[in-house]
Amino acid sequence: MGVCPYQRYREAGIPYKTYFVLRTTKYEIRSTEYSVVAFPTVSRSTRYFAYGSNMASTVMLERCPGAVPLGAARLDDHRLVFRLPSRRWGGHAADITPEEGLSVWGVLWEVTPDHLEILDGFEARYDRYRISATNGVPVDALTYRVKPEHVSADGAPDPRYLDHLTKGATEHALPAEYISSVLSKYGVRGT
């Protein structure tokens, strides 16, 4: 017998709602057959703008099970830089810095306060900031920037880190020209 579809939410302590869904086959409704599906409820949620490895669902959902991707978004008047020597990845990790006329693309996630606590632990050398991104309309969100005492000269990211960044950007349909510009800066051909 399989695991209840909501058991992973229960084990992780994530609030959820259960729905009973009728199974259908070619326009026929079989009222005796149904599936149980569960969706996490996001209480007191906020939006988080990820621009580095947390864009990749494999990375983000491992860290924050139940976080919900909302799609691509753009942060105007900022530039993507790699100026944090990374203990986890080697190379340098992503950061953003204000720069008029440029934009950083990323992924908006809907997260809970518990998710933010988890992210604060992973992003210990970053400070959390409020920003206004856009995904067609202005969206208030939180993001992280490297703490001033940890900023170093812009360096190259580790290929594994860049791979997660690229996979997340591709998975969430960030503009191909943006992905190519990031990759070409570090000697990698675009996707």
N, C-alpha and C. Protein backbone atom coordinates (compact mmCIF):
# COMPACT_ATOMS: atom_id res chain seq x y z
N MET A 1 0.84 -1.18 0.00
CA MET A 1 0.00 0.00 0.00
C MET A 1 0.88 1.23 0.00
N GLY A 2 0.51 2.24 -0.75
CA GLY A 2 1.31 3.46 -0.87
C GLY A 2 1.18 4.37 0.34
N VAL A 3 2.02 5.37 0.38
CA VAL A 3 2.01 6.36 1.43
C VAL A 3 0.89 7.36 1.14
N CYS A 4 0.18 7.80 2.18
CA CYS A 4 -0.85 8.82 2.00
C CYS A 4 -0.23 10.03 1.32
N PRO A 5 -0.93 10.65 0.36
CA PRO A 5 -0.33 11.77 -0.37
C PRO A 5 -0.01 12.96 0.52
N TYR A 6 -0.66 13.07 1.66
CA TYR A 6 -0.40 14.21 2.53
C TYR A 6 0.56 13.88 3.66
N GLN A 7 1.03 12.64 3.72
CA GLN A 7 1.89 12.22 4.82
C GLN A 7 3.19 13.02 4.89
N ARG A 8 3.75 13.38 3.73
CA ARG A 8 5.00 14.15 3.75
C ARG A 8 4.78 15.53 4.35
N TYR A 9 3.59 16.12 4.13
CA TYR A 9 3.30 17.42 4.75
C TYR A 9 3.16 17.25 6.26
N ARG A 10 2.43 16.18 6.67
CA ARG A 10 2.23 15.93 8.10
C ARG A 10 3.58 15.72 8.79
N GLU A 11 4.46 14.90 8.20
CA GLU A 11 5.76 14.61 8.79
C GLU A 11 6.64 15.85 8.87
N ALA A 12 6.50 16.76 7.89
CA ALA A 12 7.31 17.98 7.88
C ALA A 12 6.67 19.08 8.71
N GLY A 13 5.46 18.83 9.26
CA GLY A 13 4.79 19.84 10.06
C GLY A 13 4.22 20.98 9.25
N ILE A 14 3.94 20.73 7.96
CA ILE A 14 3.41 21.76 7.08
C ILE A 14 1.88 21.67 7.09
N PRO A 15 1.18 22.77 7.36
CA PRO A 15 -0.28 22.71 7.31
C PRO A 15 -0.74 22.39 5.89
N TYR A 16 -1.82 21.63 5.77
CA TYR A 16 -2.30 21.24 4.45
C TYR A 16 -3.81 21.11 4.47
N LYS A 17 -4.41 21.11 3.28
CA LYS A 17 -5.82 20.82 3.11
C LYS A 17 -5.93 19.60 2.22
N THR A 18 -6.88 18.74 2.52
CA THR A 18 -7.09 17.53 1.75
C THR A 18 -8.33 17.71 0.88
N TYR A 19 -8.24 17.28 -0.35
CA TYR A 19 -9.36 17.35 -1.28
C TYR A 19 -9.60 15.96 -1.85
N PHE A 20 -10.86 15.62 -2.04
CA PHE A 20 -11.21 14.38 -2.71
C PHE A 20 -11.57 14.74 -4.14
N VAL A 21 -10.90 14.13 -5.10
CA VAL A 21 -11.09 14.46 -6.50
C VAL A 21 -11.62 13.23 -7.22
N LEU A 22 -12.72 13.40 -7.93
CA LEU A 22 -13.27 12.30 -8.70
C LEU A 22 -12.36 11.98 -9.88
N ARG A 23 -12.15 10.71 -10.13
CA ARG A 23 -11.37 10.31 -11.30
C ARG A 23 -12.30 10.29 -12.50
N THR A 24 -11.79 10.73 -13.62
CA THR A 24 -12.60 10.71 -14.85
C THR A 24 -11.82 10.01 -15.96
N THR A 25 -12.56 9.39 -16.85
CA THR A 25 -11.94 8.80 -18.04
C THR A 25 -12.82 9.15 -19.22
N LYS A 26 -12.27 9.89 -20.15
CA LYS A 26 -12.98 10.26 -21.37
C LYS A 26 -14.40 10.72 -21.09
N TYR A 27 -14.53 11.75 -20.30
CA TYR A 27 -15.80 12.39 -20.02
C TYR A 27 -16.75 11.60 -19.12
N GLU A 28 -16.37 10.41 -18.67
CA GLU A 28 -17.22 9.65 -17.77
C GLU A 28 -16.76 9.91 -16.34
N ILE A 29 -17.71 10.12 -15.46
CA ILE A 29 -17.36 10.28 -14.06
C ILE A 29 -17.74 8.99 -13.34
N ARG A 30 -16.77 8.40 -12.72
CA ARG A 30 -17.03 7.19 -11.95
C ARG A 30 -17.08 7.61 -10.48
N SER A 31 -18.25 7.74 -9.96
CA SER A 31 -18.41 8.29 -8.62
C SER A 31 -17.83 7.39 -7.53
N THR A 32 -17.56 6.12 -7.84
CA THR A 32 -17.02 5.23 -6.82
C THR A 32 -15.50 5.29 -6.76
N GLU A 33 -14.87 5.95 -7.72
CA GLU A 33 -13.42 6.06 -7.72
C GLU A 33 -13.00 7.50 -7.48
N TYR A 34 -12.11 7.69 -6.55
CA TYR A 34 -11.60 9.03 -6.31
C TYR A 34 -10.16 8.96 -5.84
N SER A 35 -9.49 10.07 -5.96
CA SER A 35 -8.12 10.20 -5.49
C SER A 35 -8.11 11.20 -4.34
N VAL A 36 -7.21 11.01 -3.43
CA VAL A 36 -7.03 11.97 -2.36
C VAL A 36 -5.78 12.77 -2.69
N VAL A 37 -5.93 14.07 -2.76
CA VAL A 37 -4.78 14.92 -3.03
C VAL A 37 -4.66 15.93 -1.90
N ALA A 38 -3.46 16.38 -1.65
CA ALA A 38 -3.23 17.35 -0.58
C ALA A 38 -2.38 18.48 -1.13
N PHE A 39 -2.73 19.70 -0.77
CA PHE A 39 -1.96 20.87 -1.15
C PHE A 39 -1.58 21.61 0.13
N PRO A 40 -0.34 22.05 0.23
CA PRO A 40 0.03 22.78 1.44
C PRO A 40 -0.71 24.11 1.50
N THR A 41 -1.10 24.48 2.69
CA THR A 41 -1.68 25.81 2.86
C THR A 41 -0.57 26.73 3.31
N VAL A 42 -0.53 27.91 2.77
CA VAL A 42 0.52 28.84 3.11
C VAL A 42 -0.12 29.94 3.95
N SER A 43 0.05 29.82 5.26
CA SER A 43 -0.53 30.83 6.14
C SER A 43 0.48 31.93 6.39
N ARG A 44 -0.01 33.13 6.45
CA ARG A 44 0.86 34.29 6.68
C ARG A 44 2.06 34.23 5.73
N SER A 45 1.78 33.95 4.49
CA SER A 45 2.86 33.77 3.53
C SER A 45 3.39 35.11 3.04
N THR A 46 4.57 35.03 2.48
CA THR A 46 5.18 36.18 1.84
C THR A 46 5.86 35.70 0.58
N ARG A 47 6.33 36.62 -0.22
CA ARG A 47 7.02 36.27 -1.45
C ARG A 47 8.52 36.47 -1.27
N TYR A 48 9.25 35.52 -1.81
CA TYR A 48 10.71 35.54 -1.74
C TYR A 48 11.24 35.55 -3.17
N PHE A 49 12.15 36.48 -3.46
CA PHE A 49 12.77 36.61 -4.78
C PHE A 49 14.13 35.93 -4.73
N ALA A 50 14.25 34.80 -5.44
CA ALA A 50 15.51 34.05 -5.52
C ALA A 50 16.20 34.37 -6.83
N TYR A 51 17.51 34.62 -6.79
CA TYR A 51 18.25 34.95 -8.01
C TYR A 51 19.49 34.08 -8.18
N GLY A 52 19.75 33.21 -7.22
CA GLY A 52 20.92 32.31 -7.28
C GLY A 52 20.46 30.86 -7.35
N SER A 53 21.13 29.99 -6.61
CA SER A 53 20.81 28.56 -6.67
C SER A 53 19.41 28.24 -6.17
N ASN A 54 18.83 29.10 -5.33
CA ASN A 54 17.46 28.86 -4.85
C ASN A 54 16.41 29.01 -5.94
N MET A 55 16.80 29.45 -7.13
CA MET A 55 15.84 29.45 -8.25
C MET A 55 15.49 28.02 -8.63
N ALA A 56 16.42 27.09 -8.47
CA ALA A 56 16.19 25.69 -8.87
C ALA A 56 15.26 25.01 -7.87
N SER A 57 14.19 24.42 -8.37
CA SER A 57 13.24 23.73 -7.48
C SER A 57 13.90 22.64 -6.67
N THR A 58 14.88 21.94 -7.25
CA THR A 58 15.54 20.86 -6.51
C THR A 58 16.24 21.42 -5.27
N VAL A 59 16.83 22.58 -5.38
CA VAL A 59 17.52 23.20 -4.24
C VAL A 59 16.51 23.78 -3.27
N MET A 60 15.58 24.59 -3.77
CA MET A 60 14.64 25.29 -2.90
C MET A 60 13.72 24.34 -2.15
N LEU A 61 13.19 23.33 -2.82
CA LEU A 61 12.25 22.43 -2.16
C LEU A 61 12.94 21.48 -1.20
N GLU A 62 14.22 21.23 -1.40
CA GLU A 62 14.98 20.44 -0.42
C GLU A 62 15.12 21.25 0.87
N ARG A 63 15.34 22.54 0.72
CA ARG A 63 15.51 23.42 1.88
C ARG A 63 14.17 23.78 2.50
N CYS A 64 13.18 24.05 1.68
CA CYS A 64 11.88 24.57 2.14
C CYS A 64 10.74 23.77 1.51
N PRO A 65 10.51 22.53 1.99
CA PRO A 65 9.41 21.75 1.43
C PRO A 65 8.09 22.51 1.58
N GLY A 66 7.31 22.51 0.52
CA GLY A 66 6.03 23.19 0.57
C GLY A 66 6.06 24.61 0.03
N ALA A 67 7.26 25.16 -0.22
CA ALA A 67 7.34 26.47 -0.86
C ALA A 67 6.73 26.35 -2.25
N VAL A 68 6.09 27.41 -2.70
CA VAL A 68 5.37 27.35 -3.97
C VAL A 68 6.00 28.32 -4.97
N PRO A 69 6.49 27.81 -6.11
CA PRO A 69 7.06 28.72 -7.12
C PRO A 69 5.93 29.50 -7.81
N LEU A 70 6.14 30.81 -7.94
CA LEU A 70 5.14 31.67 -8.57
C LEU A 70 5.57 32.14 -9.96
N GLY A 71 6.80 31.79 -10.36
CA GLY A 71 7.25 32.13 -11.70
C GLY A 71 8.34 33.19 -11.72
N ALA A 72 8.71 33.55 -12.93
CA ALA A 72 9.80 34.50 -13.16
C ALA A 72 9.38 35.91 -12.75
N ALA A 73 10.38 36.66 -12.29
CA ALA A 73 10.17 38.07 -11.94
C ALA A 73 11.47 38.82 -12.19
N ARG A 74 11.36 40.15 -12.27
CA ARG A 74 12.52 40.99 -12.57
C ARG A 74 12.68 42.04 -11.47
N LEU A 75 13.91 42.24 -11.06
CA LEU A 75 14.25 43.29 -10.10
C LEU A 75 15.02 44.36 -10.87
N ASP A 76 14.40 45.50 -11.06
CA ASP A 76 15.01 46.57 -11.85
C ASP A 76 16.03 47.35 -11.02
N ASP A 77 16.93 48.01 -11.76
CA ASP A 77 17.98 48.86 -11.18
C ASP A 77 18.89 48.10 -10.23
N HIS A 78 19.18 46.84 -10.57
CA HIS A 78 20.13 46.01 -9.84
C HIS A 78 20.94 45.19 -10.85
N ARG A 79 22.09 44.72 -10.38
CA ARG A 79 22.98 43.91 -11.21
C ARG A 79 23.34 42.64 -10.44
N LEU A 80 23.42 41.52 -11.14
CA LEU A 80 23.85 40.25 -10.56
C LEU A 80 25.37 40.23 -10.51
N VAL A 81 25.92 39.92 -9.34
CA VAL A 81 27.37 39.81 -9.15
C VAL A 81 27.65 38.53 -8.36
N PHE A 82 28.87 38.09 -8.39
CA PHE A 82 29.30 36.92 -7.62
C PHE A 82 30.44 37.38 -6.73
N ARG A 83 30.09 37.85 -5.53
CA ARG A 83 31.11 38.46 -4.68
C ARG A 83 31.10 37.94 -3.25
N LEU A 84 30.62 36.71 -3.08
CA LEU A 84 30.69 36.05 -1.78
C LEU A 84 31.44 34.75 -1.94
N PRO A 85 32.67 34.65 -1.38
CA PRO A 85 33.37 33.37 -1.43
C PRO A 85 32.50 32.30 -0.76
N SER A 86 32.19 31.25 -1.48
CA SER A 86 31.24 30.25 -1.00
C SER A 86 31.95 29.08 -0.33
N ARG A 87 31.58 28.83 0.91
CA ARG A 87 32.11 27.66 1.64
C ARG A 87 31.44 26.38 1.15
N ARG A 88 30.17 26.49 0.80
CA ARG A 88 29.38 25.32 0.39
C ARG A 88 29.74 24.87 -1.01
N TRP A 89 29.87 25.81 -1.94
CA TRP A 89 30.04 25.47 -3.35
C TRP A 89 31.48 25.59 -3.83
N GLY A 90 32.31 26.38 -3.16
CA GLY A 90 33.59 26.78 -3.74
C GLY A 90 33.27 27.92 -4.69
N GLY A 91 34.24 28.56 -5.24
CA GLY A 91 33.97 29.69 -6.12
C GLY A 91 33.24 30.79 -5.37
N HIS A 92 32.47 31.59 -6.08
CA HIS A 92 31.73 32.70 -5.48
C HIS A 92 30.23 32.50 -5.68
N ALA A 93 29.44 32.92 -4.68
CA ALA A 93 27.99 32.83 -4.74
C ALA A 93 27.39 34.16 -5.19
N ALA A 94 26.17 34.09 -5.67
CA ALA A 94 25.49 35.25 -6.24
C ALA A 94 25.12 36.29 -5.18
N ASP A 95 25.08 37.52 -5.62
CA ASP A 95 24.63 38.66 -4.84
C ASP A 95 24.02 39.65 -5.82
N ILE A 96 23.31 40.62 -5.30
CA ILE A 96 22.80 41.70 -6.14
C ILE A 96 23.29 43.02 -5.58
N THR A 97 23.49 43.95 -6.47
CA THR A 97 23.92 45.28 -6.06
C THR A 97 23.14 46.30 -6.88
N PRO A 98 22.76 47.42 -6.25
CA PRO A 98 22.03 48.44 -7.01
C PRO A 98 22.85 48.98 -8.17
N GLU A 99 22.23 49.07 -9.33
CA GLU A 99 22.85 49.69 -10.49
C GLU A 99 21.75 50.13 -11.45
N GLU A 100 21.61 51.42 -11.58
CA GLU A 100 20.54 52.00 -12.38
C GLU A 100 20.61 51.53 -13.83
N GLY A 101 19.45 51.19 -14.36
CA GLY A 101 19.36 50.81 -15.76
C GLY A 101 19.54 49.32 -16.04
N LEU A 102 20.00 48.55 -15.06
CA LEU A 102 20.16 47.10 -15.25
C LEU A 102 19.06 46.36 -14.51
N SER A 103 18.90 45.08 -14.82
CA SER A 103 17.89 44.26 -14.15
C SER A 103 18.45 42.89 -13.82
N VAL A 104 17.94 42.32 -12.74
CA VAL A 104 18.25 40.95 -12.34
C VAL A 104 16.96 40.16 -12.44
N TRP A 105 17.03 39.03 -13.12
CA TRP A 105 15.87 38.14 -13.21
C TRP A 105 16.00 37.06 -12.14
N GLY A 106 14.87 36.61 -11.65
CA GLY A 106 14.86 35.56 -10.65
C GLY A 106 13.51 34.88 -10.60
N VAL A 107 13.30 34.13 -9.53
CA VAL A 107 12.07 33.37 -9.35
C VAL A 107 11.40 33.82 -8.06
N LEU A 108 10.10 34.10 -8.14
CA LEU A 108 9.32 34.40 -6.94
C LEU A 108 8.82 33.09 -6.34
N TRP A 109 8.98 32.97 -5.04
CA TRP A 109 8.47 31.82 -4.29
C TRP A 109 7.51 32.32 -3.23
N GLU A 110 6.44 31.60 -2.98
CA GLU A 110 5.58 31.89 -1.85
C GLU A 110 6.09 31.04 -0.70
N VAL A 111 6.45 31.71 0.40
CA VAL A 111 7.07 31.03 1.54
C VAL A 111 6.37 31.42 2.84
N THR A 112 6.53 30.58 3.84
CA THR A 112 5.96 30.83 5.17
C THR A 112 7.04 31.42 6.07
N PRO A 113 6.66 31.90 7.25
CA PRO A 113 7.67 32.35 8.21
C PRO A 113 8.67 31.24 8.57
N ASP A 114 8.21 30.00 8.65
CA ASP A 114 9.13 28.89 8.92
C ASP A 114 10.16 28.72 7.80
N HIS A 115 9.71 28.88 6.57
CA HIS A 115 10.64 28.81 5.43
C HIS A 115 11.69 29.91 5.54
N LEU A 116 11.26 31.12 5.93
CA LEU A 116 12.21 32.23 6.05
C LEU A 116 13.25 31.94 7.12
N GLU A 117 12.84 31.30 8.21
CA GLU A 117 13.81 30.91 9.25
C GLU A 117 14.84 29.95 8.68
N ILE A 118 14.37 28.98 7.90
CA ILE A 118 15.28 28.02 7.27
C ILE A 118 16.23 28.74 6.32
N LEU A 119 15.68 29.62 5.49
CA LEU A 119 16.52 30.37 4.55
C LEU A 119 17.53 31.24 5.29
N ASP A 120 17.11 31.87 6.39
CA ASP A 120 18.05 32.68 7.18
C ASP A 120 19.25 31.84 7.62
N GLY A 121 19.01 30.57 7.95
CA GLY A 121 20.10 29.68 8.34
C GLY A 121 21.05 29.39 7.18
N PHE A 122 20.48 29.12 6.00
CA PHE A 122 21.31 28.84 4.83
C PHE A 122 22.02 30.10 4.34
N GLU A 123 21.38 31.23 4.50
CA GLU A 123 21.92 32.50 3.98
C GLU A 123 22.50 33.33 5.13
N ALA A 124 23.21 32.69 6.03
CA ALA A 124 23.70 33.35 7.25
C ALA A 124 24.61 34.54 6.97
N ARG A 125 25.30 34.54 5.84
CA ARG A 125 26.19 35.67 5.51
C ARG A 125 25.49 36.70 4.61
N TYR A 126 24.17 36.60 4.54
CA TYR A 126 23.34 37.54 3.79
C TYR A 126 22.37 38.23 4.77
N ASP A 127 21.95 39.44 4.42
CA ASP A 127 20.87 40.14 5.12
C ASP A 127 19.61 40.07 4.28
N ARG A 128 18.47 40.01 4.94
CA ARG A 128 17.19 39.98 4.25
C ARG A 128 16.73 41.42 3.98
N TYR A 129 16.23 41.66 2.76
CA TYR A 129 15.77 42.99 2.35
C TYR A 129 14.39 42.92 1.73
N ARG A 130 13.63 43.98 1.87
CA ARG A 130 12.36 44.14 1.15
C ARG A 130 12.65 44.80 -0.19
N ILE A 131 12.02 44.26 -1.23
CA ILE A 131 12.21 44.81 -2.57
C ILE A 131 10.86 44.90 -3.27
N SER A 132 10.85 45.56 -4.39
CA SER A 132 9.68 45.57 -5.26
C SER A 132 10.13 45.03 -6.61
N ALA A 133 9.71 43.81 -6.91
CA ALA A 133 10.04 43.17 -8.19
C ALA A 133 8.82 43.33 -9.09
N THR A 134 8.93 42.82 -10.31
CA THR A 134 7.78 42.87 -11.21
C THR A 134 7.69 41.55 -11.97
N ASN A 135 6.47 41.09 -12.12
CA ASN A 135 6.18 39.95 -12.99
C ASN A 135 5.01 40.33 -13.90
N GLY A 136 5.04 41.56 -14.35
CA GLY A 136 3.94 42.15 -15.11
C GLY A 136 3.23 43.20 -14.28
N VAL A 137 3.24 42.98 -12.97
CA VAL A 137 2.72 43.95 -12.00
C VAL A 137 3.73 44.04 -10.86
N PRO A 138 3.78 45.16 -10.16
CA PRO A 138 4.71 45.26 -9.02
C PRO A 138 4.36 44.23 -7.94
N VAL A 139 5.40 43.59 -7.38
CA VAL A 139 5.22 42.58 -6.35
C VAL A 139 6.20 42.88 -5.21
N ASP A 140 5.66 43.07 -4.01
CA ASP A 140 6.52 43.22 -2.84
C ASP A 140 7.06 41.85 -2.47
N ALA A 141 8.36 41.78 -2.20
CA ALA A 141 8.99 40.50 -1.89
C ALA A 141 10.17 40.73 -0.96
N LEU A 142 10.71 39.64 -0.47
CA LEU A 142 11.94 39.66 0.31
C LEU A 142 13.03 39.02 -0.53
N THR A 143 14.24 39.46 -0.33
CA THR A 143 15.39 38.82 -0.96
C THR A 143 16.56 38.96 -0.02
N TYR A 144 17.70 38.42 -0.41
CA TYR A 144 18.90 38.47 0.41
C TYR A 144 20.02 39.17 -0.34
N ARG A 145 20.82 39.95 0.41
CA ARG A 145 22.04 40.57 -0.13
C ARG A 145 23.17 40.25 0.82
N VAL A 146 24.36 40.08 0.27
CA VAL A 146 25.53 39.75 1.09
C VAL A 146 25.78 40.87 2.11
N LYS A 147 26.04 40.46 3.35
CA LYS A 147 26.37 41.41 4.41
C LYS A 147 27.66 42.12 4.03
N PRO A 148 27.75 43.43 4.29
CA PRO A 148 28.93 44.20 3.86
C PRO A 148 30.27 43.60 4.30
N GLU A 149 30.32 43.01 5.50
CA GLU A 149 31.59 42.46 5.98
C GLU A 149 32.02 41.20 5.25
N HIS A 150 31.15 40.63 4.43
CA HIS A 150 31.49 39.41 3.69
C HIS A 150 31.71 39.65 2.19
N VAL A 151 31.51 40.89 1.75
CA VAL A 151 31.66 41.21 0.33
C VAL A 151 33.14 41.14 -0.05
N SER A 152 33.41 40.48 -1.18
CA SER A 152 34.77 40.46 -1.73
C SER A 152 34.70 40.95 -3.18
N ALA A 153 35.81 40.93 -3.85
CA ALA A 153 35.82 41.29 -5.27
C ALA A 153 34.97 40.29 -6.04
N ASP A 154 34.38 40.75 -7.14
CA ASP A 154 33.58 39.87 -7.99
C ASP A 154 34.46 38.73 -8.48
N GLY A 155 33.97 37.50 -8.31
CA GLY A 155 34.73 36.32 -8.72
C GLY A 155 33.85 35.41 -9.56
N ALA A 156 34.38 34.27 -9.93
CA ALA A 156 33.65 33.31 -10.75
C ALA A 156 32.95 32.28 -9.87
N PRO A 157 31.71 31.92 -10.22
CA PRO A 157 31.03 30.87 -9.47
C PRO A 157 31.58 29.49 -9.83
N ASP A 158 31.44 28.57 -8.90
CA ASP A 158 31.78 27.17 -9.16
C ASP A 158 30.82 26.65 -10.25
N PRO A 159 31.30 25.81 -11.16
CA PRO A 159 30.42 25.29 -12.22
C PRO A 159 29.17 24.59 -11.70
N ARG A 160 29.25 23.89 -10.54
CA ARG A 160 28.06 23.23 -9.99
C ARG A 160 27.02 24.26 -9.55
N TYR A 161 27.49 25.34 -8.95
CA TYR A 161 26.60 26.41 -8.51
C TYR A 161 25.94 27.07 -9.73
N LEU A 162 26.76 27.35 -10.73
CA LEU A 162 26.24 27.96 -11.96
C LEU A 162 25.24 27.03 -12.65
N ASP A 163 25.47 25.73 -12.54
CA ASP A 163 24.55 24.76 -13.12
C ASP A 163 23.18 24.83 -12.44
N HIS A 164 23.15 24.92 -11.10
CA HIS A 164 21.87 25.07 -10.39
C HIS A 164 21.18 26.37 -10.78
N LEU A 165 21.96 27.43 -10.86
CA LEU A 165 21.41 28.73 -11.25
C LEU A 165 20.78 28.62 -12.65
N THR A 166 21.49 28.02 -13.57
CA THR A 166 21.01 27.87 -14.95
C THR A 166 19.78 26.98 -15.02
N LYS A 167 19.80 25.87 -14.29
CA LYS A 167 18.64 24.97 -14.29
C LYS A 167 17.41 25.68 -13.75
N GLY A 168 17.57 26.42 -12.67
CA GLY A 168 16.44 27.17 -12.10
C GLY A 168 15.93 28.22 -13.05
N ALA A 169 16.84 28.93 -13.70
CA ALA A 169 16.45 29.97 -14.65
C ALA A 169 15.70 29.37 -15.84
N THR A 170 16.17 28.25 -16.34
CA THR A 170 15.52 27.58 -17.47
C THR A 170 14.18 26.98 -17.06
N GLU A 171 14.17 26.31 -15.91
CA GLU A 171 12.95 25.68 -15.40
C GLU A 171 11.81 26.68 -15.24
N HIS A 172 12.13 27.90 -14.82
CA HIS A 172 11.09 28.90 -14.55
C HIS A 172 10.98 29.93 -15.67
N ALA A 173 11.54 29.60 -16.83
CA ALA A 173 11.37 30.37 -18.07
C ALA A 173 11.84 31.82 -17.95
N LEU A 174 13.02 32.01 -17.35
CA LEU A 174 13.63 33.34 -17.40
C LEU A 174 14.05 33.60 -18.84
N PRO A 175 14.15 34.86 -19.26
CA PRO A 175 14.50 35.15 -20.64
C PRO A 175 15.83 34.50 -21.05
N ALA A 176 15.82 33.87 -22.21
CA ALA A 176 17.01 33.17 -22.71
C ALA A 176 18.20 34.11 -22.84
N GLU A 177 17.95 35.36 -23.27
CA GLU A 177 19.07 36.30 -23.43
C GLU A 177 19.70 36.65 -22.08
N TYR A 178 18.91 36.67 -21.01
CA TYR A 178 19.46 36.92 -19.67
C TYR A 178 20.34 35.75 -19.24
N ILE A 179 19.83 34.53 -19.43
CA ILE A 179 20.60 33.33 -19.06
C ILE A 179 21.91 33.30 -19.84
N SER A 180 21.85 33.55 -21.13
CA SER A 180 23.05 33.55 -21.97
C SER A 180 24.05 34.61 -21.52
N SER A 181 23.56 35.79 -21.14
CA SER A 181 24.48 36.86 -20.73
C SER A 181 25.21 36.49 -19.45
N VAL A 182 24.51 35.84 -18.51
CA VAL A 182 25.15 35.41 -17.27
C VAL A 182 26.19 34.34 -17.58
N LEU A 183 25.82 33.36 -18.39
CA LEU A 183 26.72 32.26 -18.71
C LEU A 183 27.93 32.74 -19.52
N SER A 184 27.71 33.62 -20.49
CA SER A 184 28.81 34.05 -21.34
C SER A 184 29.86 34.85 -20.56
N LYS A 185 29.42 35.53 -19.51
CA LYS A 185 30.36 36.29 -18.68
C LYS A 185 31.39 35.37 -18.02
N TYR A 186 30.99 34.13 -17.79
CA TYR A 186 31.87 33.18 -17.10
C TYR A 186 32.39 32.09 -18.03
N GLY A 187 32.38 32.36 -19.35
CA GLY A 187 33.02 31.48 -20.32
C GLY A 187 32.25 30.23 -20.63
N VAL A 188 30.93 30.24 -20.40
CA VAL A 188 30.09 29.09 -20.68
C VAL A 188 29.12 29.49 -21.78
N ARG A 189 28.90 28.60 -22.73
CA ARG A 189 27.96 28.91 -23.82
C ARG A 189 26.53 28.83 -23.28
N GLY A 190 25.66 29.69 -23.83
CA GLY A 190 24.25 29.75 -23.42
C GLY A 190 23.51 28.47 -23.67
N THR A 191 22.34 28.34 -22.99
CA THR A 191 21.54 27.12 -23.11
C THR A 191 20.68 27.17 -24.34
